[in-house]
């Protein structure tokens, strides 16, 4: 995927994940954004070559929760 295409889909992926965090944790959108952007998951998501952006929103949320619980992320093979 080209950098322009990747840049075009990142806002949608981020918005979907922020909406799920907001809903499941019952926190404000602003707080969900702060938490997501500070995470290791988001750092990996920002890099096209990691292919993390290909995971579903549910999978991304599970990885986000895993990181919050353990401080680490174990990416599944897809």
PDB file of N, CA and C in Angstrom:
ATOM      1  N   UNK A   1       0.858  -1.174   0.000  1.00  0.00           N
ATOM      2  CA  UNK A   1       0.000   0.000   0.000  1.00  0.00           C
ATOM      3  C   UNK A   1       0.898   1.229   0.000  1.00  0.00           C
ATOM      4  N   UNK A   2       0.515   2.202  -0.796  1.00  0.00           N
ATOM      5  CA  UNK A   2       1.269   3.445  -0.869  1.00  0.00           C
ATOM      6  C   UNK A   2       1.044   4.312   0.355  1.00  0.00           C
ATOM      7  N   UNK A   3       1.955   5.214   0.598  1.00  0.00           N
ATOM      8  CA  UNK A   3       1.869   6.099   1.763  1.00  0.00           C
ATOM      9  C   UNK A   3       0.619   6.974   1.718  1.00  0.00           C
ATOM     10  N   UNK A   4       0.226   7.415   0.530  1.00  0.00           N
ATOM     11  CA  UNK A   4      -0.981   8.244   0.415  1.00  0.00           C
ATOM     12  C   UNK A   4      -2.229   7.450   0.782  1.00  0.00           C
ATOM     13  N   UNK A   5      -2.311   6.209   0.324  1.00  0.00           N
ATOM     14  CA  UNK A   5      -3.457   5.358   0.649  1.00  0.00           C
ATOM     15  C   UNK A   5      -3.501   5.088   2.152  1.00  0.00           C
ATOM     16  N   UNK A   6      -2.332   4.791   2.715  1.00  0.00           N
ATOM     17  CA  UNK A   6      -2.253   4.526   4.149  1.00  0.00           C
ATOM     18  C   UNK A   6      -2.700   5.752   4.950  1.00  0.00           C
ATOM     19  N   UNK A   7      -2.213   6.923   4.563  1.00  0.00           N
ATOM     20  CA  UNK A   7      -2.596   8.164   5.239  1.00  0.00           C
ATOM     21  C   UNK A   7      -4.101   8.416   5.132  1.00  0.00           C
ATOM     22  N   UNK A   8      -4.697   7.948   4.062  1.00  0.00           N
ATOM     23  CA  UNK A   8      -6.133   8.153   3.864  1.00  0.00           C
ATOM     24  C   UNK A   8      -6.983   7.250   4.762  1.00  0.00           C
ATOM     25  N   UNK A   9      -6.506   6.040   5.070  1.00  0.00           N
ATOM     26  CA  UNK A   9      -7.323   5.123   5.876  1.00  0.00           C
ATOM     27  C   UNK A   9      -7.062   5.235   7.377  1.00  0.00           C
ATOM     28  N   UNK A  10      -5.921   5.796   7.771  1.00  0.00           N
ATOM     29  CA  UNK A  10      -5.597   5.895   9.198  1.00  0.00           C
ATOM     30  C   UNK A  10      -6.639   6.656  10.013  1.00  0.00           C
ATOM     31  N   UNK A  11      -7.173   7.772   9.534  1.00  0.00           N
ATOM     32  CA  UNK A  11      -8.192   8.466  10.336  1.00  0.00           C
ATOM     33  C   UNK A  11      -9.434   7.604  10.601  1.00  0.00           C
ATOM     34  N   UNK A  12      -9.824   6.810   9.631  1.00  0.00           N
ATOM     35  CA  UNK A  12     -10.989   5.942   9.814  1.00  0.00           C
ATOM     36  C   UNK A  12     -10.703   4.851  10.831  1.00  0.00           C
ATOM     37  N   UNK A  13      -9.544   4.227  10.719  1.00  0.00           N
ATOM     38  CA  UNK A  13      -9.159   3.178  11.663  1.00  0.00           C
ATOM     39  C   UNK A  13      -9.101   3.759  13.074  1.00  0.00           C
ATOM     40  N   UNK A  14      -8.449   4.897  13.218  1.00  0.00           N
ATOM     41  CA  UNK A  14      -8.325   5.536  14.530  1.00  0.00           C
ATOM     42  C   UNK A  14      -9.692   5.916  15.099  1.00  0.00           C
ATOM     43  N   UNK A  15     -10.537   6.502  14.280  1.00  0.00           N
ATOM     44  CA  UNK A  15     -11.867   6.924  14.741  1.00  0.00           C
ATOM     45  C   UNK A  15     -12.699   5.732  15.209  1.00  0.00           C
ATOM     46  N   UNK A  16     -12.649   4.635  14.467  1.00  0.00           N
ATOM     47  CA  UNK A  16     -13.398   3.436  14.858  1.00  0.00           C
ATOM     48  C   UNK A  16     -12.890   2.892  16.195  1.00  0.00           C
ATOM     49  N   UNK A  17     -11.574   2.857  16.348  1.00  0.00           N
ATOM     50  CA  UNK A  17     -10.998   2.337  17.585  1.00  0.00           C
ATOM     51  C   UNK A  17     -11.286   3.269  18.759  1.00  0.00           C
ATOM     52  N   UNK A  18     -11.208   4.553  18.553  1.00  0.00           N
ATOM     53  CA  UNK A  18     -11.533   5.520  19.610  1.00  0.00           C
ATOM     54  C   UNK A  18     -12.996   5.383  20.022  1.00  0.00           C
ATOM     55  N   UNK A  19     -13.877   5.196  19.064  1.00  0.00           N
ATOM     56  CA  UNK A  19     -15.303   5.013  19.378  1.00  0.00           C
ATOM     57  C   UNK A  19     -15.506   3.756  20.221  1.00  0.00           C
ATOM     58  N   UNK A  20     -14.788   2.684  19.906  1.00  0.00           N
ATOM     59  CA  UNK A  20     -14.930   1.446  20.669  1.00  0.00           C
ATOM     60  C   UNK A  20     -14.377   1.623  22.086  1.00  0.00           C
ATOM     61  N   UNK A  21     -13.247   2.285  22.218  1.00  0.00           N
ATOM     62  CA  UNK A  21     -12.673   2.535  23.544  1.00  0.00           C
ATOM     63  C   UNK A  21     -13.637   3.375  24.370  1.00  0.00           C
ATOM     64  N   UNK A  22     -14.173   4.417  23.778  1.00  0.00           N
ATOM     65  CA  UNK A  22     -15.125   5.298  24.459  1.00  0.00           C
ATOM     66  C   UNK A  22     -16.333   4.513  24.944  1.00  0.00           C
ATOM     67  N   UNK A  23     -16.859   3.673  24.091  1.00  0.00           N
ATOM     68  CA  UNK A  23     -18.054   2.892  24.412  1.00  0.00           C
ATOM     69  C   UNK A  23     -17.778   1.844  25.489  1.00  0.00           C
ATOM     70  N   UNK A  24     -16.740   1.067  25.307  1.00  0.00           N
ATOM     71  CA  UNK A  24     -16.485  -0.056  26.218  1.00  0.00           C
ATOM     72  C   UNK A  24     -15.955   0.390  27.577  1.00  0.00           C
ATOM     73  N   UNK A  25     -15.240   1.505  27.624  1.00  0.00           N
ATOM     74  CA  UNK A  25     -14.678   1.967  28.893  1.00  0.00           C
ATOM     75  C   UNK A  25     -15.484   3.090  29.522  1.00  0.00           C
ATOM     76  N   UNK A  26     -16.510   3.541  28.806  1.00  0.00           N
ATOM     77  CA  UNK A  26     -17.364   4.616  29.303  1.00  0.00           C
ATOM     78  C   UNK A  26     -16.537   5.840  29.717  1.00  0.00           C
ATOM     79  N   UNK A  27     -15.650   6.262  28.792  1.00  0.00           N
ATOM     80  CA  UNK A  27     -14.832   7.449  29.011  1.00  0.00           C
ATOM     81  C   UNK A  27     -15.095   8.442  27.883  1.00  0.00           C
ATOM     82  N   UNK A  28     -14.634   9.655  28.069  1.00  0.00           N
ATOM     83  CA  UNK A  28     -14.854  10.668  27.045  1.00  0.00           C
ATOM     84  C   UNK A  28     -14.004  10.375  25.813  1.00  0.00           C
ATOM     85  N   UNK A  29     -14.422  10.943  24.702  1.00  0.00           N
ATOM     86  CA  UNK A  29     -13.656  10.783  23.472  1.00  0.00           C
ATOM     87  C   UNK A  29     -12.260  11.371  23.632  1.00  0.00           C
ATOM     88  N   UNK A  30     -12.181  12.506  24.296  1.00  0.00           N
ATOM     89  CA  UNK A  30     -10.880  13.155  24.521  1.00  0.00           C
ATOM     90  C   UNK A  30      -9.941  12.239  25.311  1.00  0.00           C
ATOM     91  N   UNK A  31     -10.458  11.604  26.352  1.00  0.00           N
ATOM     92  CA  UNK A  31      -9.638  10.699  27.159  1.00  0.00           C
ATOM     93  C   UNK A  31      -9.239   9.460  26.352  1.00  0.00           C
ATOM     94  N   UNK A  32     -10.155   8.935  25.551  1.00  0.00           N
ATOM     95  CA  UNK A  32      -9.851   7.777  24.706  1.00  0.00           C
ATOM     96  C   UNK A  32      -8.742   8.119  23.714  1.00  0.00           C
ATOM     97  N   UNK A  33      -8.804   9.310  23.146  1.00  0.00           N
ATOM     98  CA  UNK A  33      -7.769   9.755  22.208  1.00  0.00           C
ATOM     99  C   UNK A  33      -6.414   9.833  22.912  1.00  0.00           C
ATOM    100  N   UNK A  34      -6.383  10.442  24.086  1.00  0.00           N
ATOM    101  CA  UNK A  34      -5.135  10.561  24.842  1.00  0.00           C
ATOM    102  C   UNK A  34      -4.541   9.189  25.136  1.00  0.00           C
ATOM    103  N   UNK A  35      -5.379   8.282  25.598  1.00  0.00           N
ATOM    104  CA  UNK A  35      -4.900   6.944  25.952  1.00  0.00           C
ATOM    105  C   UNK A  35      -4.403   6.185  24.725  1.00  0.00           C
ATOM    106  N   UNK A  36      -5.159   6.246  23.643  1.00  0.00           N
ATOM    107  CA  UNK A  36      -4.756   5.524  22.438  1.00  0.00           C
ATOM    108  C   UNK A  36      -3.455   6.078  21.876  1.00  0.00           C
ATOM    109  N   UNK A  37      -3.370   7.382  21.756  1.00  0.00           N
ATOM    110  CA  UNK A  37      -2.186   7.998  21.154  1.00  0.00           C
ATOM    111  C   UNK A  37      -0.927   7.774  21.993  1.00  0.00           C
ATOM    112  N   UNK A  38      -1.080   7.523  23.289  1.00  0.00           N
ATOM    113  CA  UNK A  38       0.062   7.262  24.162  1.00  0.00           C
ATOM    114  C   UNK A  38       0.470   5.785  24.186  1.00  0.00           C
ATOM    115  N   UNK A  39      -0.280   4.947  23.492  1.00  0.00           N
ATOM    116  CA  UNK A  39      -0.041   3.504  23.562  1.00  0.00           C
ATOM    117  C   UNK A  39       1.008   3.006  22.564  1.00  0.00           C
ATOM    118  N   UNK A  40       1.586   1.862  22.910  1.00  0.00           N
ATOM    119  CA  UNK A  40       2.507   1.170  22.002  1.00  0.00           C
ATOM    120  C   UNK A  40       1.744   0.687  20.768  1.00  0.00           C
ATOM    121  N   UNK A  41       0.484   0.313  20.971  1.00  0.00           N
ATOM    122  CA  UNK A  41      -0.333  -0.147  19.852  1.00  0.00           C
ATOM    123  C   UNK A  41      -0.438   0.938  18.794  1.00  0.00           C
ATOM    124  N   UNK A  42      -0.718   2.161  19.211  1.00  0.00           N
ATOM    125  CA  UNK A  42      -0.848   3.243  18.232  1.00  0.00           C
ATOM    126  C   UNK A  42       0.475   3.500  17.524  1.00  0.00           C
ATOM    127  N   UNK A  43       1.579   3.401  18.255  1.00  0.00           N
ATOM    128  CA  UNK A  43       2.902   3.577  17.630  1.00  0.00           C
ATOM    129  C   UNK A  43       3.101   2.540  16.523  1.00  0.00           C
ATOM    130  N   UNK A  44       2.660   1.317  16.766  1.00  0.00           N
ATOM    131  CA  UNK A  44       2.771   0.270  15.743  1.00  0.00           C
ATOM    132  C   UNK A  44       1.769   0.513  14.615  1.00  0.00           C
ATOM    133  N   UNK A  45       0.582   0.969  14.969  1.00  0.00           N
ATOM    134  CA  UNK A  45      -0.468   1.221  13.983  1.00  0.00           C
ATOM    135  C   UNK A  45      -0.067   2.319  13.003  1.00  0.00           C
ATOM    136  N   UNK A  46       0.677   3.283  13.467  1.00  0.00           N
ATOM    137  CA  UNK A  46       1.116   4.398  12.615  1.00  0.00           C
ATOM    138  C   UNK A  46       2.116   3.987  11.537  1.00  0.00           C
ATOM    139  N   UNK A  47       2.714   2.835  11.706  1.00  0.00           N
ATOM    140  CA  UNK A  47       3.738   2.382  10.766  1.00  0.00           C
ATOM    141  C   UNK A  47       3.119   1.384   9.787  1.00  0.00           C
ATOM    142  N   UNK A  48       2.979   1.788   8.555  1.00  0.00           N
ATOM    143  CA  UNK A  48       2.327   0.953   7.535  1.00  0.00           C
ATOM    144  C   UNK A  48       2.970  -0.417   7.436  1.00  0.00           C
ATOM    145  N   UNK A  49       4.285  -0.473   7.548  1.00  0.00           N
ATOM    146  CA  UNK A  49       4.995  -1.731   7.341  1.00  0.00           C
ATOM    147  C   UNK A  49       4.708  -2.792   8.404  1.00  0.00           C
ATOM    148  N   UNK A  50       4.161  -2.397   9.557  1.00  0.00           N
ATOM    149  CA  UNK A  50       3.818  -3.381  10.592  1.00  0.00           C
ATOM    150  C   UNK A  50       2.576  -4.186  10.210  1.00  0.00           C
ATOM    151  N   UNK A  51       1.758  -3.633   9.335  1.00  0.00           N
ATOM    152  CA  UNK A  51       0.509  -4.247   8.881  1.00  0.00           C
ATOM    153  C   UNK A  51      -0.540  -4.376   9.985  1.00  0.00           C
ATOM    154  N   UNK A  52      -0.320  -3.729  11.121  1.00  0.00           N
ATOM    155  CA  UNK A  52      -1.291  -3.754  12.218  1.00  0.00           C
ATOM    156  C   UNK A  52      -2.611  -3.132  11.774  1.00  0.00           C
ATOM    157  N   UNK A  53      -2.554  -2.193  10.853  1.00  0.00           N
ATOM    158  CA  UNK A  53      -3.756  -1.515  10.358  1.00  0.00           C
ATOM    159  C   UNK A  53      -4.723  -2.484   9.682  1.00  0.00           C
ATOM    160  N   UNK A  54      -4.262  -3.680   9.338  1.00  0.00           N
ATOM    161  CA  UNK A  54      -5.132  -4.667   8.681  1.00  0.00           C
ATOM    162  C   UNK A  54      -6.050  -5.390   9.664  1.00  0.00           C
ATOM    163  N   UNK A  55      -5.755  -5.321  10.955  1.00  0.00           N
ATOM    164  CA  UNK A  55      -6.584  -5.996  11.952  1.00  0.00           C
ATOM    165  C   UNK A  55      -7.948  -5.315  12.063  1.00  0.00           C
ATOM    166  N   UNK A  56      -8.937  -6.086  12.452  1.00  0.00           N
ATOM    167  CA  UNK A  56     -10.270  -5.529  12.666  1.00  0.00           C
ATOM    168  C   UNK A  56     -10.252  -4.611  13.884  1.00  0.00           C
ATOM    169  N   UNK A  57     -11.272  -3.777  13.989  1.00  0.00           N
ATOM    170  CA  UNK A  57     -11.386  -2.885  15.143  1.00  0.00           C
ATOM    171  C   UNK A  57     -11.463  -3.692  16.430  1.00  0.00           C
ATOM    172  N   UNK A  58     -12.178  -4.806  16.400  1.00  0.00           N
ATOM    173  CA  UNK A  58     -12.285  -5.663  17.593  1.00  0.00           C
ATOM    174  C   UNK A  58     -10.924  -6.221  17.998  1.00  0.00           C
ATOM    175  N   UNK A  59     -10.136  -6.644  17.020  1.00  0.00           N
ATOM    176  CA  UNK A  59      -8.803  -7.173  17.312  1.00  0.00           C
ATOM    177  C   UNK A  59      -7.904  -6.067  17.852  1.00  0.00           C
ATOM    178  N   UNK A  60      -7.970  -4.888  17.251  1.00  0.00           N
ATOM    179  CA  UNK A  60      -7.173  -3.762  17.734  1.00  0.00           C
ATOM    180  C   UNK A  60      -7.550  -3.414  19.175  1.00  0.00           C
ATOM    181  N   UNK A  61      -8.837  -3.451  19.477  1.00  0.00           N
ATOM    182  CA  UNK A  61      -9.271  -3.161  20.844  1.00  0.00           C
ATOM    183  C   UNK A  61      -8.745  -4.222  21.809  1.00  0.00           C
ATOM    184  N   UNK A  62      -8.781  -5.478  21.415  1.00  0.00           N
ATOM    185  CA  UNK A  62      -8.260  -6.559  22.263  1.00  0.00           C
ATOM    186  C   UNK A  62      -6.765  -6.357  22.526  1.00  0.00           C
ATOM    187  N   UNK A  63      -6.030  -5.951  21.513  1.00  0.00           N
ATOM    188  CA  UNK A  63      -4.602  -5.685  21.678  1.00  0.00           C
ATOM    189  C   UNK A  63      -4.372  -4.476  22.590  1.00  0.00           C
ATOM    190  N   UNK A  64      -5.215  -3.472  22.435  1.00  0.00           N
ATOM    191  CA  UNK A  64      -5.146  -2.285  23.289  1.00  0.00           C
ATOM    192  C   UNK A  64      -5.379  -2.679  24.754  1.00  0.00           C
ATOM    193  N   UNK A  65      -6.388  -3.486  24.993  1.00  0.00           N
ATOM    194  CA  UNK A  65      -6.691  -3.959  26.342  1.00  0.00           C
ATOM    195  C   UNK A  65      -5.547  -4.811  26.894  1.00  0.00           C
ATOM    196  N   UNK A  66      -4.984  -5.659  26.057  1.00  0.00           N
ATOM    197  CA  UNK A  66      -3.851  -6.489  26.472  1.00  0.00           C
ATOM    198  C   UNK A  66      -2.685  -5.604  26.924  1.00  0.00           C
ATOM    199  N   UNK A  67      -2.408  -4.576  26.152  1.00  0.00           N
ATOM    200  CA  UNK A  67      -1.329  -3.656  26.512  1.00  0.00           C
ATOM    201  C   UNK A  67      -1.618  -2.963  27.841  1.00  0.00           C
ATOM    202  N   UNK A  68      -2.859  -2.549  28.054  1.00  0.00           N
ATOM    203  CA  UNK A  68      -3.220  -1.891  29.309  1.00  0.00           C
ATOM    204  C   UNK A  68      -3.049  -2.829  30.502  1.00  0.00           C
ATOM    205  N   UNK A  69      -3.389  -4.105  30.315  1.00  0.00           N
ATOM    206  CA  UNK A  69      -3.301  -5.074  31.407  1.00  0.00           C
ATOM    207  C   UNK A  69      -1.865  -5.500  31.692  1.00  0.00           C
ATOM    208  N   UNK A  70      -1.094  -5.745  30.637  1.00  0.00           N
ATOM    209  CA  UNK A  70       0.217  -6.374  30.816  1.00  0.00           C
ATOM    210  C   UNK A  70       1.401  -5.458  30.517  1.00  0.00           C
ATOM    211  N   UNK A  71       1.153  -4.378  29.815  1.00  0.00           N
ATOM    212  CA  UNK A  71       2.235  -3.498  29.413  1.00  0.00           C
ATOM    213  C   UNK A  71       2.927  -3.956  28.138  1.00  0.00           C
ATOM    214  N   UNK A  72       2.467  -5.053  27.574  1.00  0.00           N
ATOM    215  CA  UNK A  72       3.076  -5.601  26.347  1.00  0.00           C
ATOM    216  C   UNK A  72       1.990  -5.982  25.374  1.00  0.00           C
ATOM    217  N   UNK A  73       2.390  -6.132  24.132  1.00  0.00           N
ATOM    218  CA  UNK A  73       1.458  -6.549  23.068  1.00  0.00           C
ATOM    219  C   UNK A  73       2.062  -7.768  22.382  1.00  0.00           C
ATOM    220  N   UNK A  74       1.247  -8.791  22.242  1.00  0.00           N
ATOM    221  CA  UNK A  74       1.638  -9.958  21.456  1.00  0.00           C
ATOM    222  C   UNK A  74       0.744  -9.967  20.238  1.00  0.00           C
ATOM    223  N   UNK A  75       1.338  -9.667  19.084  1.00  0.00           N
ATOM    224  CA  UNK A  75       0.555  -9.588  17.853  1.00  0.00           C
ATOM    225  C   UNK A  75       0.274 -10.986  17.329  1.00  0.00           C
ATOM    226  N   UNK A  76      -0.980 -11.271  16.985  1.00  0.00           N
ATOM    227  CA  UNK A  76      -1.326 -12.588  16.453  1.00  0.00           C
ATOM    228  C   UNK A  76      -0.866 -12.725  15.013  1.00  0.00           C
ATOM    229  N   UNK A  77      -0.619 -13.939  14.603  1.00  0.00           N
ATOM    230  CA  UNK A  77      -0.345 -14.205  13.191  1.00  0.00           C
ATOM    231  C   UNK A  77      -1.671 -14.208  12.444  1.00  0.00           C
ATOM    232  N   UNK A  78      -1.702 -13.551  11.334  1.00  0.00           N
ATOM    233  CA  UNK A  78      -2.932 -13.528  10.526  1.00  0.00           C
ATOM    234  C   UNK A  78      -2.683 -14.090   9.166  1.00  0.00           C
TER     235      UNK A  78
END
